Amino acid sequence: MKLLVIAGEGDLPREVARGALSQGHQVVVFNFSTSPFEDGQVYNFKLEELPRALRVLEEISPDQAVMAGKVEHKLAFSSLIKKPSLIPIVKRLKGKRPLEILQSLGEMLEERGVKMVSPLEFVPHLVAREGERVGKFSEDEIEQVRMAFSTAKKIAGMDIGQSIAWKEGAVVAVEAMEGTDEMIRRAGKLVKDFMVVKVSRPAQDLRYDLPVVGLSTLRALKEAGARSLVIEAEKTLFLQREESLKTAKKNGIKVISWKESN
């Protein structure tokens, strides 16, 4: 099986590529990040080089493709998105939501016979499992987790953001285009000892825009003075898990993987 990894920024694309290689897939990487890529057969592109990428796609003829890594949401309003080379994607859009852009690219690939798959298939060891936790949550804290998680799911369902900052029954901040880490820092300017909840959208297409946390998340929590992190079990990827959990323990930050049914 020949797998195309469409790589954005961060560590996830490399984890996906390594996981796919370990499963016996032939891996080809379209690297749109600013970092070098060592795993698999690599082609480096700038975002505006879509026509060249599509020509290479025809040459390599992958069976499946996976999108992994961070794409800055603000790109939807940058001058890059107005490049003539990106018209094939832009003309499909009804809005400027980042998820729509990713889905449009996925549709273009599937029209060319390439099946889009989820990163979850290649990195099962990174999936946050139900019940995993760092630190002891009191009964009152668990009740706050329930309330905050339910609120976060409703906000995510409106496609506003996948993360919120929460304190004592109140929403302190909601993630928008700035991303989770910047939302955490913004919340820290308002309050301390708050909770951050990160969830997937209801009925989310897990091939696109999975919730991801990692060491940068824990560092942002420490910097902002947050008390705890709640992530959705089975649908969130936890990068640099060991180092992240050590950082959480060292700084007294509680972490819990939660399911909506709890």
Protein backbone atom coordinates (compact mmCIF):
# COMPACT_ATOMS: atom_id res chain seq x y z
CA MET A 1 0.00 0.00 0.00
CA LYS A 2 1.39 3.39 -1.00
CA LEU A 3 0.48 6.13 1.48
CA LEU A 4 0.78 9.86 0.84
CA VAL A 5 1.42 11.90 4.00
CA ILE A 6 0.47 15.56 3.53
CA ALA A 7 2.59 17.19 6.22
CA GLY A 8 1.93 20.44 8.03
CA GLU A 9 3.87 21.84 10.97
CA GLY A 10 4.71 19.98 14.16
CA ASP A 11 5.68 16.45 15.19
CA LEU A 12 2.52 14.61 14.17
CA PRO A 13 3.42 14.13 10.46
CA ARG A 14 6.65 12.39 11.44
CA GLU A 15 4.85 10.17 13.92
CA VAL A 16 2.31 9.23 11.23
CA ALA A 17 5.02 8.49 8.66
CA ARG A 18 6.97 6.31 11.10
CA GLY A 19 3.81 4.50 12.14
CA ALA A 20 2.87 3.81 8.52
CA LEU A 21 6.39 2.58 7.71
CA SER A 22 6.26 0.22 10.70
CA GLN A 23 2.98 -1.16 9.37
CA GLY A 24 4.65 -1.96 6.05
CA HIS A 25 3.29 0.91 3.96
CA GLN A 26 5.34 2.62 1.28
CA VAL A 27 5.37 6.24 2.42
CA VAL A 28 5.55 9.32 0.21
CA VAL A 29 5.54 12.73 1.90
CA PHE A 30 4.32 16.04 0.52
CA ASN A 31 6.01 18.34 3.02
CA PHE A 32 4.36 21.76 3.30
CA SER A 33 6.10 22.58 6.59
CA THR A 34 9.21 24.67 7.15
CA SER A 35 11.02 21.74 8.79
CA PRO A 36 13.06 19.06 6.99
CA PHE A 37 11.50 15.62 6.74
CA GLU A 38 13.57 12.45 6.97
CA ASP A 39 11.04 9.59 6.79
CA GLY A 40 9.83 8.20 3.46
CA GLN A 41 10.18 9.60 -0.04
CA VAL A 42 9.91 13.36 0.45
CA TYR A 43 8.77 16.18 -1.84
CA ASN A 44 8.95 19.71 -0.44
CA PHE A 45 6.33 22.25 -1.50
CA LYS A 46 5.22 25.74 -0.65
CA LEU A 47 1.49 26.18 -0.13
CA GLU A 48 1.06 27.99 -3.44
CA GLU A 49 2.70 25.17 -5.40
CA LEU A 50 -0.51 23.17 -5.75
CA PRO A 51 -0.23 22.55 -9.53
CA ARG A 52 3.25 21.04 -9.12
CA ALA A 53 2.02 18.91 -6.21
CA LEU A 54 -0.87 17.59 -8.32
CA ARG A 55 1.52 16.72 -11.15
CA VAL A 56 3.72 14.78 -8.74
CA LEU A 57 0.60 13.12 -7.35
CA GLU A 58 -0.18 11.70 -10.80
CA GLU A 59 3.37 10.39 -11.09
CA ILE A 60 3.45 8.58 -7.74
CA SER A 61 -0.19 7.29 -7.79
CA PRO A 62 -0.73 6.72 -4.05
CA ASP A 63 -3.52 4.42 -2.85
CA GLN A 64 -4.31 6.43 0.28
CA ALA A 65 -3.53 9.85 1.74
CA VAL A 66 -3.48 11.25 5.25
CA MET A 67 -3.30 14.87 6.43
CA ALA A 68 -1.26 15.49 9.55
CA GLY A 69 0.24 18.53 11.22
CA LYS A 70 -0.73 22.08 11.99
CA VAL A 71 -1.90 24.56 9.38
CA GLU A 72 -2.18 28.14 10.60
CA HIS A 73 -5.85 29.12 10.50
CA LYS A 74 -4.97 32.71 9.60
CA LEU A 75 -3.78 31.47 6.20
CA ALA A 76 -7.43 31.45 5.17
CA PHE A 77 -7.24 35.26 5.09
CA SER A 78 -3.68 35.68 3.88
CA SER A 79 -2.56 36.81 0.44
CA LEU A 80 -1.44 33.23 -0.26
CA ILE A 81 -5.01 31.99 -0.52
CA LYS A 82 -5.54 34.45 -3.40
CA LYS A 83 -2.77 32.94 -5.49
CA PRO A 84 -4.04 31.73 -8.92
CA SER A 85 -2.50 28.32 -8.23
CA LEU A 86 -4.90 27.83 -5.29
CA ILE A 87 -8.05 28.64 -7.26
CA PRO A 88 -8.95 24.91 -7.64
CA ILE A 89 -9.36 24.75 -3.86
CA VAL A 90 -10.70 28.24 -3.19
CA LYS A 91 -13.51 28.07 -5.75
CA ARG A 92 -14.97 25.07 -3.90
CA LEU A 93 -15.27 26.92 -0.61
CA LYS A 94 -18.48 28.27 0.87
CA GLY A 95 -16.56 29.96 3.69
CA LYS A 96 -13.06 30.46 5.03
CA ARG A 97 -13.16 27.88 7.82
CA PRO A 98 -9.87 25.94 7.92
CA LEU A 99 -11.78 22.64 8.03
CA GLU A 100 -13.46 23.52 4.73
CA ILE A 101 -10.08 24.13 3.12
CA LEU A 102 -8.75 20.76 4.26
CA GLN A 103 -11.91 18.97 3.14
CA SER A 104 -11.74 20.64 -0.27
CA LEU A 105 -8.19 19.39 -0.73
CA GLY A 106 -9.31 15.93 0.38
CA GLU A 107 -12.14 15.95 -2.15
CA MET A 108 -9.68 16.84 -4.92
CA LEU A 109 -7.52 13.86 -3.99
CA GLU A 110 -10.46 11.46 -3.81
CA GLU A 111 -11.61 12.62 -7.25
CA ARG A 112 -8.19 11.44 -8.43
CA GLY A 113 -8.69 8.01 -6.92
CA VAL A 114 -6.81 8.55 -3.65
CA LYS A 115 -8.67 7.42 -0.51
CA MET A 116 -8.42 9.82 2.45
CA VAL A 117 -7.80 8.13 5.81
CA SER A 118 -7.39 9.27 9.42
CA PRO A 119 -4.04 9.71 11.17
CA LEU A 120 -5.51 7.57 13.97
CA GLU A 121 -4.87 4.46 11.87
CA PHE A 122 -1.11 4.92 12.04
CA VAL A 123 -0.53 6.24 15.58
CA PRO A 124 -2.80 4.23 17.90
CA HIS A 125 -0.17 4.54 20.65
CA LEU A 126 -0.75 8.33 20.72
CA VAL A 127 -4.51 8.13 21.29
CA ALA A 128 -5.65 9.37 24.71
CA ARG A 129 -7.45 6.48 26.43
CA GLU A 130 -10.42 6.81 28.75
CA GLY A 131 -9.48 7.05 32.41
CA GLU A 132 -5.89 8.18 31.92
CA ARG A 133 -5.05 10.91 34.39
CA VAL A 134 -2.34 12.77 36.25
CA GLY A 135 -3.19 13.94 39.74
CA LYS A 136 -6.27 13.36 41.86
CA PHE A 137 -9.53 15.12 40.98
CA SER A 138 -11.95 15.86 43.82
CA GLU A 139 -15.69 15.28 43.44
CA ASP A 140 -16.19 19.01 42.95
CA GLU A 141 -13.50 19.07 40.26
CA ILE A 142 -15.07 16.12 38.45
CA GLU A 143 -18.38 17.95 38.40
CA GLN A 144 -16.62 20.97 36.89
CA VAL A 145 -15.07 18.63 34.28
CA ARG A 146 -18.57 17.37 33.33
CA MET A 147 -19.96 20.88 33.00
CA ALA A 148 -16.96 22.24 31.10
CA PHE A 149 -16.77 19.24 28.76
CA SER A 150 -20.46 19.55 27.86
CA THR A 151 -20.03 23.27 27.19
CA ALA A 152 -16.92 22.70 25.08
CA LYS A 153 -18.77 20.14 22.93
CA LYS A 154 -21.59 22.60 22.28
CA ILE A 155 -19.14 25.33 21.27
CA ALA A 156 -17.22 22.91 19.05
CA GLY A 157 -20.52 21.90 17.46
CA MET A 158 -20.94 25.49 16.30
CA ASP A 159 -17.46 25.23 14.70
CA ILE A 160 -16.14 28.10 16.80
CA GLY A 161 -13.23 26.26 18.41
CA GLN A 162 -12.26 22.95 19.95
CA SER A 163 -10.89 24.31 23.24
CA ILE A 164 -12.16 26.45 26.09
CA ALA A 165 -10.74 27.84 29.32
CA TRP A 166 -13.09 27.33 32.27
CA LYS A 167 -13.19 28.42 35.90
CA GLU A 168 -15.90 27.79 38.49
CA GLY A 169 -18.75 27.35 36.03
CA ALA A 170 -17.73 30.17 33.70
CA VAL A 171 -16.15 30.21 30.24
CA VAL A 172 -13.03 32.35 30.48
CA ALA A 173 -11.88 32.06 26.87
CA VAL A 174 -12.79 30.20 23.68
CA GLU A 175 -10.30 29.07 21.06
CA ALA A 176 -10.64 30.71 17.68
CA MET A 177 -8.12 31.11 14.87
CA GLU A 178 -5.19 31.73 17.21
CA GLY A 179 -5.02 28.07 18.29
CA THR A 180 -5.11 26.34 21.67
CA ASP A 181 -1.78 27.51 23.09
CA GLU A 182 -2.48 31.19 22.41
CA MET A 183 -5.99 30.83 23.84
CA ILE A 184 -4.46 29.40 27.02
CA ARG A 185 -2.08 32.36 27.32
CA ARG A 186 -4.96 34.78 26.74
CA ALA A 187 -6.98 33.11 29.50
CA GLY A 188 -3.99 33.35 31.85
CA LYS A 189 -4.07 37.13 31.53
CA LEU A 190 -7.60 37.08 32.95
CA VAL A 191 -7.54 34.43 35.69
CA LYS A 192 -5.33 31.76 37.29
CA ASP A 193 -6.01 28.18 38.41
CA PHE A 194 -8.34 27.54 35.48
CA MET A 195 -9.18 24.39 33.52
CA VAL A 196 -8.63 23.87 29.79
CA VAL A 197 -10.87 21.46 27.89
CA LYS A 198 -10.09 20.23 24.37
CA VAL A 199 -12.65 18.20 22.42
CA SER A 200 -13.57 17.06 18.93
CA ARG A 201 -16.53 18.42 17.04
CA PRO A 202 -19.71 16.34 17.31
CA ALA A 203 -19.79 13.89 14.36
CA GLN A 204 -16.33 15.13 13.37
CA ASP A 205 -14.70 13.65 10.29
CA LEU A 206 -11.60 12.17 11.92
CA ARG A 207 -9.67 12.39 8.66
CA TYR A 208 -9.36 16.14 9.18
CA ASP A 209 -8.27 18.40 12.01
CA LEU A 210 -7.98 15.96 14.93
CA PRO A 211 -7.60 17.42 18.42
CA VAL A 212 -3.91 17.25 19.37
CA VAL A 213 -2.13 18.16 22.59
CA GLY A 214 1.51 17.84 23.54
CA LEU A 215 4.45 19.42 25.26
CA SER A 216 3.71 22.90 23.88
CA THR A 217 0.23 22.64 25.43
CA LEU A 218 1.65 21.79 28.85
CA ARG A 219 4.19 24.59 28.62
CA ALA A 220 1.42 27.05 27.77
CA LEU A 221 -0.62 25.80 30.73
CA LYS A 222 2.36 26.27 33.05
CA GLU A 223 3.07 29.75 31.69
CA ALA A 224 -0.57 30.83 32.05
CA GLY A 225 -1.04 29.44 35.56
CA ALA A 226 -3.66 26.85 34.61
CA ARG A 227 -4.61 24.09 37.04
CA SER A 228 -5.82 21.25 34.81
CA LEU A 229 -6.26 19.87 31.29
CA VAL A 230 -9.22 17.80 30.10
CA ILE A 231 -8.96 16.00 26.76
CA GLU A 232 -11.49 13.88 24.93
CA ALA A 233 -10.69 10.18 25.22
CA GLU A 234 -10.32 8.08 22.04
CA LYS A 235 -10.41 11.16 19.77
CA THR A 236 -7.40 13.18 20.94
CA LEU A 237 -3.76 12.56 20.05
CA PHE A 238 -1.20 13.12 22.83
CA LEU A 239 2.24 13.96 21.42
CA GLN A 240 5.44 13.75 23.50
CA ARG A 241 3.28 11.95 26.06
CA GLU A 242 6.00 10.93 28.53
CA GLU A 243 7.71 14.32 28.64
CA SER A 244 4.35 16.11 28.73
CA LEU A 245 3.11 14.07 31.69
CA LYS A 246 6.39 14.65 33.53
CA THR A 247 5.93 18.38 32.96
CA ALA A 248 2.36 18.14 34.28
CA LYS A 249 3.42 16.28 37.44
CA LYS A 250 6.36 18.60 38.09
CA ASN A 251 4.16 21.69 37.87
CA GLY A 252 1.08 20.34 39.66
CA ILE A 253 -1.09 20.38 36.53
CA LYS A 254 -3.82 17.75 36.57
CA VAL A 255 -4.68 15.90 33.35
CA ILE A 256 -7.65 13.66 32.60
CA SER A 257 -8.99 11.85 29.51
CA TRP A 258 -12.80 12.12 29.52
CA LYS A 259 -15.72 10.76 27.51
CA GLU A 260 -19.02 12.49 27.00
CA SER A 261 -20.88 9.50 28.49
CA ASN A 262 -19.14 9.94 31.89
